Amino acid sequence: MDWTKNRAIALGFFDGVHRGHQRLLEYTREHGIENKLEPTVLSFDTHPDKTVKGEAVSLINTPYDREKLIKRVVGIDDVIFLHFDELLMKMEWDEFVKWLANDFNAKYLVAGYDFHFGYKGMGDSEKLMKKCGELGIGCKIVEKVTFGGHKISSTCIRELLINGDIVLANKHLGHPHTLTETVRYGYRFGRTLGLPTVNMCIPNGIVTPKRGVYAAKAYLENGESRMAVTNIGVRPTVSGGSQEVTVESHLLDFSGNLYGQRVRLELYGYIRQETKFADAMELKNRIHEDIRATRAFFLK
């Protein structure tokens, strides 16, 4: 990253990179390009509430997925993650703005109408606009974005994911809900059924969508993509009582070894709840039904 460039910087956490975030980010990109400023996103690796309030916040995406979504969906390549530690938490709001101007070459700042920052959250959008004026840098405050008459928010999207309403969650997001993880070794039970699976996990601190079977798509390191039947849950038929939540995907029309590779999984539709079956044959038959349901979902 070239630190000598003058920048238009979008400020925020951007969990989920939803449609409200996208409007702010797209404005940053367009303004930067038009004014020969490098479009840049400045965010944090952990949620500020974890440091400020000592509260764990279940997030929609990992920092890796947030960065990739910003690049893929919005087209901004420069994404900077700051570590939100005690030093940053105690920085006064006006010092934070001056820091951006001096150390990050910020010539234009973009934030949401409800943006709060600085020690004890004393900085807000009005103060940001005023301070930018004093420093001779531009500023844009982006108003809220609604869908169906309601404000789009990361909190609402987390609730939709927990409830399994993946279709509505994706409408709020403006893109499919995404999980990117390295494929790990599982129980290999699917192979005994002739239905091998790609095994992943939900990272710590990331929201777990409602347990059940989803119509999904998997994107591989070599650029290929496949429809997938994805089960999120504890595998009650074969787990022996384990409560570890896993993400297992059977990739349609695929054969190969993906262990150790990073796979991006996108969820599109909720097919059914997780079920404990009487035996392996009943499970196998139901997975074949799930395969047919997934193909039908993507043919709609």
Foldseek 3Di string as FASTA:
>chain_A
DDQVFAAEEEEDACFLVWPQVLVQQLVRPVVCVVVVHQREYEHAQADLCCAPVVDQAATLAHPVVSQVCCCPVRNRNHYHHDHNHPVQQAAAPLVVLVCCCPRRNYQEYEYEQADFGHHVSPDGQVNSCVSSVVVNGHYYYDYFDDDPPHTQDRVVLLVCQQVQVQQVSCVRRVHFRKDKFAFADDPQPCVVLVQGKGKDADDPSHRQGHFAWFFKKKAFPVGDIFTWIWGWFQQQQPNVPDGGTMIIIRGPPDDDDRHGTMMMMGTHHGDDHDDHDPHDVVVSVVVVVSVVVSVVVVVD
